[in-house]
C-alpha atoms as a PDB file:
ATOM      1  CA  MET A   1       1.254  -9.263  -5.795  1.00  0.00           C
ATOM      2  CA  THR A   2       2.617  -6.493  -7.971  1.00  0.00           C
ATOM      3  CA  ILE A   3       0.467  -3.370  -8.331  1.00  0.00           C
ATOM      4  CA  ARG A   4       0.905  -1.177 -11.407  1.00  0.00           C
ATOM      5  CA  VAL A   5       1.320   2.473 -10.399  1.00  0.00           C
ATOM      6  CA  SER A   6       1.341   5.706 -12.386  1.00  0.00           C
ATOM      7  CA  ILE A   7       2.256   9.107 -10.941  1.00  0.00           C
ATOM      8  CA  ALA A   8       0.874  12.328 -12.423  1.00  0.00           C
ATOM      9  CA  GLY A   9       2.719  15.449 -11.331  1.00  0.00           C
ATOM     10  CA  ALA A  10       5.855  13.396 -10.772  1.00  0.00           C
ATOM     11  CA  THR A  11       8.222  16.372 -11.089  1.00  0.00           C
ATOM     12  CA  GLY A  12       6.744  18.420  -8.231  1.00  0.00           C
ATOM     13  CA  TYR A  13       8.006  18.177  -4.670  1.00  0.00           C
ATOM     14  CA  SER A  14       5.349  15.714  -3.497  1.00  0.00           C
ATOM     15  CA  GLY A  15       5.373  13.803  -6.787  1.00  0.00           C
ATOM     16  CA  SER A  16       9.120  13.270  -6.687  1.00  0.00           C
ATOM     17  CA  GLU A  17       8.875  12.003  -3.098  1.00  0.00           C
ATOM     18  CA  LEU A  18       6.156   9.602  -4.259  1.00  0.00           C
ATOM     19  CA  ALA A  19       8.406   8.368  -7.042  1.00  0.00           C
ATOM     20  CA  ALA A  20      11.220   7.709  -4.574  1.00  0.00           C
ATOM     21  CA  ILE A  21       8.965   5.782  -2.174  1.00  0.00           C
ATOM     22  CA  LEU A  22       7.133   3.759  -4.804  1.00  0.00           C
ATOM     23  CA  ALA A  23      10.309   2.865  -6.694  1.00  0.00           C
ATOM     24  CA  ARG A  24      11.471   0.899  -3.632  1.00  0.00           C
ATOM     25  CA  HIS A  25       8.037  -0.365  -2.612  1.00  0.00           C
ATOM     26  CA  PRO A  26       8.130  -4.180  -2.767  1.00  0.00           C
ATOM     27  CA  SER A  27       4.548  -4.475  -4.090  1.00  0.00           C
ATOM     28  CA  ALA A  28       4.552  -1.572  -6.570  1.00  0.00           C
ATOM     29  CA  GLU A  29       5.771  -1.246 -10.136  1.00  0.00           C
ATOM     30  CA  VAL A  30       5.976   2.339 -11.391  1.00  0.00           C
ATOM     31  CA  VAL A  31       4.746   2.056 -14.976  1.00  0.00           C
ATOM     32  CA  GLY A  32       4.162   5.751 -15.705  1.00  0.00           C
ATOM     33  CA  ALA A  33       5.424   9.165 -14.626  1.00  0.00           C
ATOM     34  CA  PHE A  34       3.778  12.284 -16.029  1.00  0.00           C
ATOM     35  CA  SER A  35       4.298  16.026 -15.911  1.00  0.00           C
ATOM     36  CA  GLY A  36       2.353  18.963 -17.279  1.00  0.00           C
ATOM     37  CA  GLY A  37       5.436  21.166 -17.462  1.00  0.00           C
ATOM     38  CA  SER A  38       8.677  21.311 -19.392  1.00  0.00           C
ATOM     39  CA  SER A  39      10.100  18.245 -17.639  1.00  0.00           C
ATOM     40  CA  ALA A  40       8.543  15.789 -20.095  1.00  0.00           C
ATOM     41  CA  GLY A  41      11.291  13.589 -21.490  1.00  0.00           C
ATOM     42  CA  ALA A  42      13.351  13.649 -18.299  1.00  0.00           C
ATOM     43  CA  PRO A  43      14.678  10.298 -17.099  1.00  0.00           C
ATOM     44  CA  PHE A  44      12.965   8.699 -14.128  1.00  0.00           C
ATOM     45  CA  ALA A  45      16.165   8.853 -12.058  1.00  0.00           C
ATOM     46  CA  SER A  46      16.168  12.665 -12.325  1.00  0.00           C
ATOM     47  CA  LEU A  47      13.021  12.947 -10.191  1.00  0.00           C
ATOM     48  CA  HIS A  48      14.740  12.448  -6.830  1.00  0.00           C
ATOM     49  CA  PRO A  49      18.366  12.131  -5.641  1.00  0.00           C
ATOM     50  CA  SER A  50      17.693   8.663  -4.193  1.00  0.00           C
ATOM     51  CA  LEU A  51      16.656   7.357  -7.628  1.00  0.00           C
ATOM     52  CA  ARG A  52      20.084   7.617  -9.197  1.00  0.00           C
ATOM     53  CA  GLY A  53      20.677   4.337 -10.999  1.00  0.00           C
ATOM     54  CA  VAL A  54      17.101   3.156 -10.441  1.00  0.00           C
ATOM     55  CA  PRO A  55      15.267   2.161 -13.643  1.00  0.00           C
ATOM     56  CA  GLY A  56      11.835   3.572 -14.376  1.00  0.00           C
ATOM     57  CA  PRO A  57       9.694   5.198 -17.057  1.00  0.00           C
ATOM     58  CA  VAL A  58      10.711   8.372 -18.835  1.00  0.00           C
ATOM     59  CA  VAL A  59       8.601  11.336 -17.710  1.00  0.00           C
ATOM     60  CA  ALA A  60       5.825  11.798 -20.277  1.00  0.00           C
ATOM     61  CA  PRO A  61       3.486  14.722 -21.006  1.00  0.00           C
ATOM     62  CA  PHE A  62       0.330  14.604 -18.900  1.00  0.00           C
ATOM     63  CA  SER A  63      -2.834  13.312 -20.563  1.00  0.00           C
ATOM     64  CA  ILE A  64      -5.615  11.018 -19.422  1.00  0.00           C
ATOM     65  CA  ASP A  65      -5.164   8.767 -22.452  1.00  0.00           C
ATOM     66  CA  ALA A  66      -1.423   8.449 -21.821  1.00  0.00           C
ATOM     67  CA  ILE A  67      -1.976   7.583 -18.171  1.00  0.00           C
ATOM     68  CA  LEU A  68      -4.612   4.948 -18.940  1.00  0.00           C
ATOM     69  CA  ALA A  69      -2.376   3.502 -21.659  1.00  0.00           C
ATOM     70  CA  THR A  70       0.036   2.407 -18.922  1.00  0.00           C
ATOM     71  CA  LYS A  71      -2.777   0.141 -17.620  1.00  0.00           C
ATOM     72  CA  PRO A  72      -2.360   1.256 -14.016  1.00  0.00           C
ATOM     73  CA  ASP A  73      -4.075  -0.343 -11.068  1.00  0.00           C
ATOM     74  CA  VAL A  74      -3.737   2.982  -9.249  1.00  0.00           C
ATOM     75  CA  VAL A  75      -2.941   6.553 -10.234  1.00  0.00           C
ATOM     76  CA  PHE A  76      -1.462   9.048  -7.798  1.00  0.00           C
ATOM     77  CA  LEU A  77      -2.407  12.616  -8.698  1.00  0.00           C
ATOM     78  CA  ALA A  78       0.114  15.148  -7.389  1.00  0.00           C
ATOM     79  CA  THR A  79      -1.401  17.729  -9.720  1.00  0.00           C
ATOM     80  CA  PRO A  80      -3.005  21.183  -9.314  1.00  0.00           C
ATOM     81  CA  ASN A  81      -6.468  21.229  -7.755  1.00  0.00           C
ATOM     82  CA  GLU A  82      -8.507  22.072 -10.840  1.00  0.00           C
ATOM     83  CA  LEU A  83      -6.586  19.608 -13.006  1.00  0.00           C
ATOM     84  CA  SER A  84      -7.227  16.798 -10.503  1.00  0.00           C
ATOM     85  CA  ALA A  85     -10.928  17.663 -10.328  1.00  0.00           C
ATOM     86  CA  GLU A  86     -11.204  17.314 -14.109  1.00  0.00           C
ATOM     87  CA  ALA A  87      -9.041  14.183 -14.321  1.00  0.00           C
ATOM     88  CA  VAL A  88     -10.565  12.024 -11.588  1.00  0.00           C
ATOM     89  CA  PRO A  89     -13.909  11.177 -13.279  1.00  0.00           C
ATOM     90  CA  ALA A  90     -12.144  10.086 -16.468  1.00  0.00           C
ATOM     91  CA  LEU A  91      -9.595   8.004 -14.586  1.00  0.00           C
ATOM     92  CA  LEU A  92     -12.282   6.286 -12.528  1.00  0.00           C
ATOM     93  CA  ALA A  93     -14.222   5.591 -15.711  1.00  0.00           C
ATOM     94  CA  GLY A  94     -11.037   4.010 -17.067  1.00  0.00           C
ATOM     95  CA  GLY A  95     -11.169   1.470 -14.247  1.00  0.00           C
ATOM     96  CA  THR A  96      -8.290   2.634 -12.080  1.00  0.00           C
ATOM     97  CA  THR A  97      -8.102   3.556  -8.408  1.00  0.00           C
ATOM     98  CA  VAL A  98      -7.164   7.194  -7.765  1.00  0.00           C
ATOM     99  CA  ILE A  99      -5.274   8.637  -4.801  1.00  0.00           C
ATOM    100  CA  ASP A 100      -5.497  12.404  -5.141  1.00  0.00           C
ATOM    101  CA  LEU A 101      -2.958  14.549  -3.297  1.00  0.00           C
ATOM    102  CA  SER A 102      -4.667  17.786  -4.318  1.00  0.00           C
ATOM    103  CA  GLY A 103      -7.545  19.409  -2.486  1.00  0.00           C
ATOM    104  CA  SER A 104     -10.124  18.590  -5.122  1.00  0.00           C
ATOM    105  CA  PHE A 105     -12.073  15.955  -3.186  1.00  0.00           C
ATOM    106  CA  ARG A 106     -11.328  16.826   0.455  1.00  0.00           C
ATOM    107  CA  LEU A 107     -14.461  18.898   1.059  1.00  0.00           C
ATOM    108  CA  ARG A 108     -17.969  17.449   0.919  1.00  0.00           C
ATOM    109  CA  ASP A 109     -19.609  20.843   0.250  1.00  0.00           C
ATOM    110  CA  ALA A 110     -19.257  21.749  -3.442  1.00  0.00           C
ATOM    111  CA  SER A 111     -20.231  25.374  -2.720  1.00  0.00           C
ATOM    112  CA  LEU A 112     -16.902  25.899  -0.923  1.00  0.00           C
ATOM    113  CA  TYR A 113     -14.810  25.263  -4.020  1.00  0.00           C
ATOM    114  CA  PRO A 114     -15.475  28.581  -5.809  1.00  0.00           C
ATOM    115  CA  VAL A 115     -14.746  30.436  -2.562  1.00  0.00           C
ATOM    116  CA  LYS A 116     -11.677  28.523  -1.360  1.00  0.00           C
ATOM    117  CA  TYR A 117     -10.262  26.981  -4.531  1.00  0.00           C
ATOM    118  CA  GLY A 118     -11.389  29.407  -7.206  1.00  0.00           C
ATOM    119  CA  PHE A 119     -13.373  27.032  -9.439  1.00  0.00           C
ATOM    120  CA  GLU A 120     -16.770  25.383  -9.719  1.00  0.00           C
ATOM    121  CA  HIS A 121     -16.365  21.713  -8.936  1.00  0.00           C
ATOM    122  CA  PRO A 122     -16.902  19.648 -12.108  1.00  0.00           C
ATOM    123  CA  ALA A 123     -17.817  16.402 -10.282  1.00  0.00           C
ATOM    124  CA  PRO A 124     -19.760  17.277  -7.109  1.00  0.00           C
ATOM    125  CA  ALA A 125     -21.377  13.825  -6.994  1.00  0.00           C
ATOM    126  CA  LEU A 126     -17.965  12.299  -6.285  1.00  0.00           C
ATOM    127  CA  LEU A 127     -17.327  14.450  -3.211  1.00  0.00           C
ATOM    128  CA  GLY A 128     -19.468  12.160  -1.082  1.00  0.00           C
ATOM    129  CA  GLU A 129     -17.834   9.033  -2.486  1.00  0.00           C
ATOM    130  CA  ALA A 130     -14.213   9.989  -1.817  1.00  0.00           C
ATOM    131  CA  VAL A 131     -12.595   8.513   1.285  1.00  0.00           C
ATOM    132  CA  TYR A 132     -10.848  11.230   3.269  1.00  0.00           C
ATOM    133  CA  GLY A 133      -7.514   9.545   3.756  1.00  0.00           C
ATOM    134  CA  LEU A 134      -6.422  10.594   7.225  1.00  0.00           C
ATOM    135  CA  THR A 135      -5.084   7.076   7.490  1.00  0.00           C
ATOM    136  CA  GLU A 136      -5.199   6.554  11.238  1.00  0.00           C
ATOM    137  CA  TRP A 137      -8.877   7.570  11.379  1.00  0.00           C
ATOM    138  CA  CYS A 138     -10.266   5.684   8.366  1.00  0.00           C
ATOM    139  CA  ASN A 139     -11.609   2.700  10.353  1.00  0.00           C
ATOM    140  CA  GLY A 140     -11.562   0.254   7.448  1.00  0.00           C
ATOM    141  CA  SER A 141     -13.037   2.607   4.848  1.00  0.00           C
ATOM    142  CA  LEU A 142      -9.851   2.510   2.769  1.00  0.00           C
ATOM    143  CA  ALA A 143     -10.132  -1.202   1.980  1.00  0.00           C
ATOM    144  CA  GLY A 144     -10.991  -1.400  -1.693  1.00  0.00           C
ATOM    145  CA  ALA A 145     -11.542   2.372  -1.981  1.00  0.00           C
ATOM    146  CA  LYS A 146     -11.602   3.665  -5.560  1.00  0.00           C
ATOM    147  CA  LEU A 147     -11.075   7.363  -4.777  1.00  0.00           C
ATOM    148  CA  VAL A 148      -8.973   8.581  -1.865  1.00  0.00           C
ATOM    149  CA  ALA A 149      -8.660  12.285  -1.034  1.00  0.00           C
ATOM    150  CA  ASN A 150      -5.291  12.685   0.639  1.00  0.00           C
ATOM    151  CA  PRO A 151      -5.583  15.305   3.411  1.00  0.00           C
ATOM    152  CA  GLY A 152      -3.799  18.622   3.270  1.00  0.00           C
ATOM    153  CA  CYS A 153      -0.505  18.939   5.107  1.00  0.00           C
ATOM    154  CA  TYR A 154      -1.700  21.463   7.701  1.00  0.00           C
ATOM    155  CA  PRO A 155      -4.918  19.506   8.391  1.00  0.00           C
ATOM    156  CA  THR A 156      -2.916  16.298   8.833  1.00  0.00           C
ATOM    157  CA  SER A 157      -0.759  17.828  11.552  1.00  0.00           C
ATOM    158  CA  ILE A 158      -3.719  19.503  13.289  1.00  0.00           C
ATOM    159  CA  LEU A 159      -6.323  16.734  13.042  1.00  0.00           C
ATOM    160  CA  LEU A 160      -3.993  13.996  14.262  1.00  0.00           C
ATOM    161  CA  ALA A 161      -3.238  16.091  17.340  1.00  0.00           C
ATOM    162  CA  THR A 162      -6.796  17.248  18.025  1.00  0.00           C
ATOM    163  CA  ARG A 163      -9.254  14.496  17.127  1.00  0.00           C
ATOM    164  CA  PRO A 164      -8.365  12.190  20.058  1.00  0.00           C
ATOM    165  CA  LEU A 165      -9.191  15.007  22.486  1.00  0.00           C
ATOM    166  CA  ARG A 166     -12.686  15.762  21.158  1.00  0.00           C
ATOM    167  CA  PRO A 167     -14.411  14.213  24.216  1.00  0.00           C
ATOM    168  CA  LEU A 168     -12.715  16.796  26.430  1.00  0.00           C
ATOM    169  CA  LEU A 169     -13.460  19.920  24.400  1.00  0.00           C
ATOM    170  CA  ALA A 170     -15.718  22.582  25.842  1.00  0.00           C
ATOM    171  CA  GLU A 171     -19.011  23.053  24.008  1.00  0.00           C
ATOM    172  CA  GLY A 172     -18.765  25.861  21.446  1.00  0.00           C
ATOM    173  CA  THR A 173     -15.049  26.168  22.058  1.00  0.00           C
ATOM    174  CA  THR A 174     -12.733  28.125  19.796  1.00  0.00           C
ATOM    175  CA  ILE A 175      -9.824  26.010  18.597  1.00  0.00           C
ATOM    176  CA  VAL A 176      -6.776  28.088  17.715  1.00  0.00           C
ATOM    177  CA  CYS A 177      -4.338  26.480  15.295  1.00  0.00           C
ATOM    178  CA  ASP A 178      -1.058  28.354  14.933  1.00  0.00           C
ATOM    179  CA  ALA A 179       0.856  26.476  12.237  1.00  0.00           C
ATOM    180  CA  LYS A 180       4.199  26.998  10.545  1.00  0.00           C
ATOM    181  CA  SER A 181       5.347  25.375   7.303  1.00  0.00           C
ATOM    182  CA  GLY A 182       8.539  25.112   5.333  1.00  0.00           C
ATOM    183  CA  VAL A 183       8.592  26.745   1.906  1.00  0.00           C
ATOM    184  CA  SER A 184       8.122  23.500  -0.040  1.00  0.00           C
ATOM    185  CA  GLY A 185       4.498  23.569   1.132  1.00  0.00           C
ATOM    186  CA  ALA A 186       3.867  26.227  -1.507  1.00  0.00           C
ATOM    187  CA  GLY A 187       5.127  23.928  -4.283  1.00  0.00           C
ATOM    188  CA  LYS A 188       7.598  24.908  -6.986  1.00  0.00           C
ATOM    189  CA  ARG A 189       6.758  28.579  -7.411  1.00  0.00           C
ATOM    190  CA  ALA A 190       8.768  31.349  -9.039  1.00  0.00           C
ATOM    191  CA  GLU A 191       7.101  34.359  -7.370  1.00  0.00           C
ATOM    192  CA  ALA A 192       9.453  36.799  -5.671  1.00  0.00           C
ATOM    193  CA  GLU A 193       7.811  36.298  -2.266  1.00  0.00           C
ATOM    194  CA  TYR A 194       9.067  32.690  -2.263  1.00  0.00           C
ATOM    195  CA  SER A 195      12.624  33.546  -3.285  1.00  0.00           C
ATOM    196  CA  PHE A 196      15.627  33.009  -1.040  1.00  0.00           C
ATOM    197  CA  THR A 197      16.162  36.749  -0.709  1.00  0.00           C
ATOM    198  CA  GLU A 198      12.663  37.306   0.656  1.00  0.00           C
ATOM    199  CA  LEU A 199      12.553  34.259   2.930  1.00  0.00           C
ATOM    200  CA  ALA A 200      16.026  33.952   4.455  1.00  0.00           C
ATOM    201  CA  GLY A 201      16.008  35.408   7.960  1.00  0.00           C
ATOM    202  CA  ASN A 202      12.288  36.179   7.650  1.00  0.00           C
ATOM    203  CA  PHE A 203       9.081  34.760   9.159  1.00  0.00           C
ATOM    204  CA  LYS A 204       5.513  35.737   8.312  1.00  0.00           C
ATOM    205  CA  ALA A 205       1.848  34.839   8.571  1.00  0.00           C
ATOM    206  CA  TYR A 206      -0.245  34.486   5.425  1.00  0.00           C
ATOM    207  CA  GLY A 207      -3.723  33.490   4.286  1.00  0.00           C
ATOM    208  CA  VAL A 208      -5.302  34.425   7.626  1.00  0.00           C
ATOM    209  CA  GLY A 209      -9.059  33.878   7.351  1.00  0.00           C
ATOM    210  CA  THR A 210      -8.813  32.839   3.707  1.00  0.00           C
ATOM    211  CA  HIS A 211      -6.686  29.681   3.644  1.00  0.00           C
ATOM    212  CA  ARG A 212      -8.402  26.708   1.986  1.00  0.00           C
ATOM    213  CA  HIS A 213      -7.306  24.344   4.748  1.00  0.00           C
ATOM    214  CA  GLU A 214      -9.447  26.083   7.372  1.00  0.00           C
ATOM    215  CA  PRO A 215     -12.790  24.552   6.252  1.00  0.00           C
ATOM    216  CA  GLU A 216     -11.062  21.196   5.830  1.00  0.00           C
ATOM    217  CA  ILE A 217      -9.855  21.287   9.433  1.00  0.00           C
ATOM    218  CA  ALA A 218     -13.274  22.332  10.752  1.00  0.00           C
ATOM    219  CA  ALA A 219     -15.162  19.743   8.694  1.00  0.00           C
ATOM    220  CA  TRP A 220     -12.991  16.741   9.550  1.00  0.00           C
ATOM    221  CA  LEU A 221     -12.493  17.577  13.196  1.00  0.00           C
ATOM    222  CA  GLU A 222     -16.107  16.339  13.491  1.00  0.00           C
ATOM    223  CA  HIS A 223     -16.853  18.076  16.765  1.00  0.00           C
ATOM    224  CA  GLY A 224     -20.179  19.835  16.266  1.00  0.00           C
ATOM    225  CA  GLU A 225     -19.539  23.285  14.832  1.00  0.00           C
ATOM    226  CA  PRO A 226     -16.302  24.452  16.468  1.00  0.00           C
ATOM    227  CA  ASN A 227     -14.946  27.879  15.678  1.00  0.00           C
ATOM    228  CA  VAL A 228     -11.557  27.174  14.144  1.00  0.00           C
ATOM    229  CA  ILE A 229      -9.032  29.980  13.943  1.00  0.00           C
ATOM    230  CA  PHE A 230      -6.244  28.842  11.633  1.00  0.00           C
ATOM    231  CA  VAL A 231      -3.162  31.028  11.212  1.00  0.00           C
ATOM    232  CA  PRO A 232      -0.539  29.606   8.824  1.00  0.00           C
ATOM    233  CA  HIS A 233       3.013  30.958   8.768  1.00  0.00           C
ATOM    234  CA  LEU A 234       5.893  30.538   6.352  1.00  0.00           C
ATOM    235  CA  LEU A 235       9.140  29.353   7.903  1.00  0.00           C
ATOM    236  CA  PRO A 236      12.515  30.041   6.238  1.00  0.00           C
ATOM    237  CA  VAL A 237      13.243  26.284   6.049  1.00  0.00           C
ATOM    238  CA  PRO A 238      12.730  23.879   3.115  1.00  0.00           C
ATOM    239  CA  ARG A 239      10.299  21.436   4.722  1.00  0.00           C
ATOM    240  CA  GLY A 240       8.387  20.480   7.837  1.00  0.00           C
ATOM    241  CA  ILE A 241       5.273  21.684   9.676  1.00  0.00           C
ATOM    242  CA  LEU A 242       4.969  22.580  13.356  1.00  0.00           C
ATOM    243  CA  SER A 243       1.411  23.189  14.549  1.00  0.00           C
ATOM    244  CA  THR A 244       0.687  24.653  17.970  1.00  0.00           C
ATOM    245  CA  ILE A 245      -2.959  24.077  18.931  1.00  0.00           C
ATOM    246  CA  TYR A 246      -4.737  25.778  21.825  1.00  0.00           C
ATOM    247  CA  LEU A 247      -7.649  23.852  23.374  1.00  0.00           C
ATOM    248  CA  ASN A 248     -10.151  24.575  26.143  1.00  0.00           C
ATOM    249  CA  PHE A 249     -11.708  21.660  28.028  1.00  0.00           C
ATOM    250  CA  GLU A 250     -15.200  21.328  29.477  1.00  0.00           C
ATOM    251  CA  GLU A 251     -13.836  20.183  32.845  1.00  0.00           C
ATOM    252  CA  GLU A 252     -10.544  20.003  34.654  1.00  0.00           C
ATOM    253  CA  THR A 253      -8.522  17.106  33.331  1.00  0.00           C
ATOM    254  CA  THR A 254      -5.201  15.444  34.069  1.00  0.00           C
ATOM    255  CA  ALA A 255      -2.163  14.598  32.000  1.00  0.00           C
ATOM    256  CA  GLU A 256      -3.055  10.931  32.505  1.00  0.00           C
ATOM    257  CA  ASP A 257      -6.508  11.511  30.965  1.00  0.00           C
ATOM    258  CA  VAL A 258      -4.995  13.181  27.922  1.00  0.00           C
ATOM    259  CA  ALA A 259      -2.293  10.530  27.560  1.00  0.00           C
ATOM    260  CA  TRP A 260      -4.926   7.786  27.761  1.00  0.00           C
ATOM    261  CA  LEU A 261      -6.981   9.323  24.929  1.00  0.00           C
ATOM    262  CA  PHE A 262      -3.913   9.588  22.716  1.00  0.00           C
ATOM    263  CA  ALA A 263      -2.829   6.029  23.562  1.00  0.00           C
ATOM    264  CA  SER A 264      -6.305   4.696  22.799  1.00  0.00           C
ATOM    265  CA  ALA A 265      -6.350   6.454  19.437  1.00  0.00           C
ATOM    266  CA  TYR A 266      -2.855   5.524  18.302  1.00  0.00           C
ATOM    267  CA  ALA A 267      -1.982   2.227  19.980  1.00  0.00           C
ATOM    268  CA  ASP A 268      -1.833   0.557  16.549  1.00  0.00           C
ATOM    269  CA  ALA A 269      -0.580   3.572  14.559  1.00  0.00           C
ATOM    270  CA  PRO A 270       2.992   2.882  13.463  1.00  0.00           C
ATOM    271  CA  PHE A 271       3.645   6.444  12.274  1.00  0.00           C
ATOM    272  CA  VAL A 272       2.199   8.474  15.161  1.00  0.00           C
ATOM    273  CA  HIS A 273       4.228   8.943  18.331  1.00  0.00           C
ATOM    274  CA  VAL A 274       2.927  10.837  21.380  1.00  0.00           C
ATOM    275  CA  HIS A 275       5.437  12.216  23.880  1.00  0.00           C
ATOM    276  CA  PRO A 276       4.928  12.238  27.672  1.00  0.00           C
ATOM    277  CA  ALA A 277       3.251  15.338  29.114  1.00  0.00           C
ATOM    278  CA  GLY A 278       5.468  18.407  28.958  1.00  0.00           C
ATOM    279  CA  ARG A 279       7.803  17.067  26.266  1.00  0.00           C
ATOM    280  CA  LEU A 280       7.181  18.906  22.987  1.00  0.00           C
ATOM    281  CA  PRO A 281       8.561  17.750  19.613  1.00  0.00           C
ATOM    282  CA  SER A 282      10.489  19.828  17.072  1.00  0.00           C
ATOM    283  CA  LEU A 283      10.887  19.725  13.297  1.00  0.00           C
ATOM    284  CA  LYS A 284      14.170  17.842  13.436  1.00  0.00           C
ATOM    285  CA  ASP A 285      12.289  14.916  14.989  1.00  0.00           C
ATOM    286  CA  VAL A 286      10.326  14.252  11.806  1.00  0.00           C
ATOM    287  CA  VAL A 287      11.890  15.863   8.724  1.00  0.00           C
ATOM    288  CA  GLY A 288      12.715  13.122   6.236  1.00  0.00           C
ATOM    289  CA  THR A 289      10.424  10.618   7.981  1.00  0.00           C
ATOM    290  CA  PRO A 290       6.796   9.432   7.525  1.00  0.00           C
ATOM    291  CA  ARG A 291       5.984  10.124  11.194  1.00  0.00           C
ATOM    292  CA  CYS A 292       3.821  12.554  13.128  1.00  0.00           C
ATOM    293  CA  GLU A 293       5.073  13.379  16.614  1.00  0.00           C
ATOM    294  CA  ILE A 294       2.778  14.993  19.198  1.00  0.00           C
ATOM    295  CA  GLY A 295       3.373  16.581  22.586  1.00  0.00           C
ATOM    296  CA  PHE A 296       1.150  18.415  25.045  1.00  0.00           C
ATOM    297  CA  THR A 297       1.196  20.596  28.138  1.00  0.00           C
ATOM    298  CA  LEU A 298      -1.783  21.323  30.398  1.00  0.00           C
ATOM    299  CA  LEU A 299      -2.535  24.852  31.569  1.00  0.00           C
ATOM    300  CA  ALA A 300      -5.063  26.638  33.816  1.00  0.00           C
ATOM    301  CA  GLY A 301      -5.320  23.774  36.263  1.00  0.00           C
ATOM    302  CA  GLY A 302      -6.172  21.274  33.551  1.00  0.00           C
ATOM    303  CA  ARG A 303      -8.875  23.374  31.849  1.00  0.00           C
ATOM    304  CA  SER A 304      -6.700  24.168  28.825  1.00  0.00           C
ATOM    305  CA  ALA A 305      -3.934  22.535  26.826  1.00  0.00           C
ATOM    306  CA  VAL A 306      -1.285  23.421  24.309  1.00  0.00           C
ATOM    307  CA  VAL A 307      -0.690  20.584  21.851  1.00  0.00           C
ATOM    308  CA  VAL A 308       2.274  20.607  19.457  1.00  0.00           C
ATOM    309  CA  SER A 309       2.295  18.417  16.355  1.00  0.00           C
ATOM    310  CA  VAL A 310       5.131  18.068  13.833  1.00  0.00           C
ATOM    311  CA  ILE A 311       5.273  16.349  10.451  1.00  0.00           C
ATOM    312  CA  ASP A 312       7.287  16.480   7.253  1.00  0.00           C
ATOM    313  CA  ASN A 313       4.855  18.261   4.924  1.00  0.00           C
ATOM    314  CA  LEU A 314       6.122  16.383   1.862  1.00  0.00           C
ATOM    315  CA  LEU A 315       5.917  12.954   3.516  1.00  0.00           C
ATOM    316  CA  LYS A 316       3.302  12.508   6.262  1.00  0.00           C
ATOM    317  CA  GLY A 317       1.659  15.648   4.858  1.00  0.00           C
ATOM    318  CA  ALA A 318       1.593  14.282   1.302  1.00  0.00           C
ATOM    319  CA  ALA A 319       3.579  11.411  -0.259  1.00  0.00           C
ATOM    320  CA  SER A 320       4.090   8.917   2.561  1.00  0.00           C
ATOM    321  CA  GLN A 321       0.510   9.336   3.774  1.00  0.00           C
ATOM    322  CA  ALA A 322      -0.648   8.670   0.201  1.00  0.00           C
ATOM    323  CA  VAL A 323       1.380   5.445   0.257  1.00  0.00           C
ATOM    324  CA  GLN A 324      -0.123   4.502   3.646  1.00  0.00           C
ATOM    325  CA  ASN A 325      -3.526   4.926   2.006  1.00  0.00           C
ATOM    326  CA  PHE A 326      -2.379   2.900  -1.002  1.00  0.00           C
ATOM    327  CA  ASN A 327      -1.234   0.105   1.308  1.00  0.00           C
ATOM    328  CA  ARG A 328      -4.565   0.053   3.128  1.00  0.00           C
ATOM    329  CA  ALA A 329      -6.621   0.265  -0.074  1.00  0.00           C
ATOM    330  CA  PHE A 330      -4.852  -2.754  -1.585  1.00  0.00           C
ATOM    331  CA  GLY A 331      -4.702  -4.859   1.577  1.00  0.00           C
ATOM    332  CA  LEU A 332      -0.966  -4.489   2.143  1.00  0.00           C
ATOM    333  CA  GLY A 333       0.839  -3.952   5.421  1.00  0.00           C
ATOM    334  CA  GLU A 334       0.557  -0.295   6.427  1.00  0.00           C
ATOM    335  CA  THR A 335       4.306   0.177   6.792  1.00  0.00           C
ATOM    336  CA  GLU A 336       5.198  -1.539   3.506  1.00  0.00           C
ATOM    337  CA  GLY A 337       7.606   0.606   1.515  1.00  0.00           C
ATOM    338  CA  LEU A 338       7.777   3.158   4.334  1.00  0.00           C
ATOM    339  CA  ALA A 339       9.549   1.548   7.282  1.00  0.00           C
END
């Protein structure tokens, strides 16, 4: 089976990673690559260093008509939030499956979009229809899905590390998520604050109390109404996310209890690896890979834990997770094109 694939936003960081993965995917044929910027007309091989010598479509200007003209079975949207929100209804009406890497369909509550994303959602009825594509927790809902909302990069790292431990969490607990991301998480931006001069040798927090990923984390943790404190930081590295999560448990627990919950959750998850108690992962373990690696340490006699989760924000936090969701949606092996 060959599945026709088009990529919108193919010249961004996540879009170019998608192009590289899908170009070597044995069941995918990349029939369209689109950009809303000045990169229209660029050869396909220019999207990613690994594509040198690989044939593919010339990058075309973004338009719904142009995308649908490629007759895709699936469209990956690595486009800005508001653009994705406008494009999805038209693409679905055109008969294609959509995997959206933006934040436009991650939240079920339309009233949060003006506050967190800066626009009124144009298709609120679709928010309840989108499958939230945290792949390892989809429980069959991806099979045949027509609209998949790829999770944010920070939420991916935090939810994968936290959701298995929900049975242990103290009622009304505050979950503190201290997360650090490489600069590519901000996309291709020309502002001075993202320049080499400002970032090299520097480290800072940003978006505290205002970041759009905070309600996404709280909503998809699905543990009553936890108070989530999310503090993102900008690391002076190109890529990767390290999230340190502080949890309080209802009762004293053991490392064996925690390990059992993780093993139960991820026994069949090829891209999630949990370390033994006390062994914490680092960015170098995952950068350039589609994996999430998790470690934990118990504190306060087993009443608290520090959990560390690392991913590559452009892969498990975006492109490779989108391809996992693509594989599941079309009945392919989950590791196809990724292992």
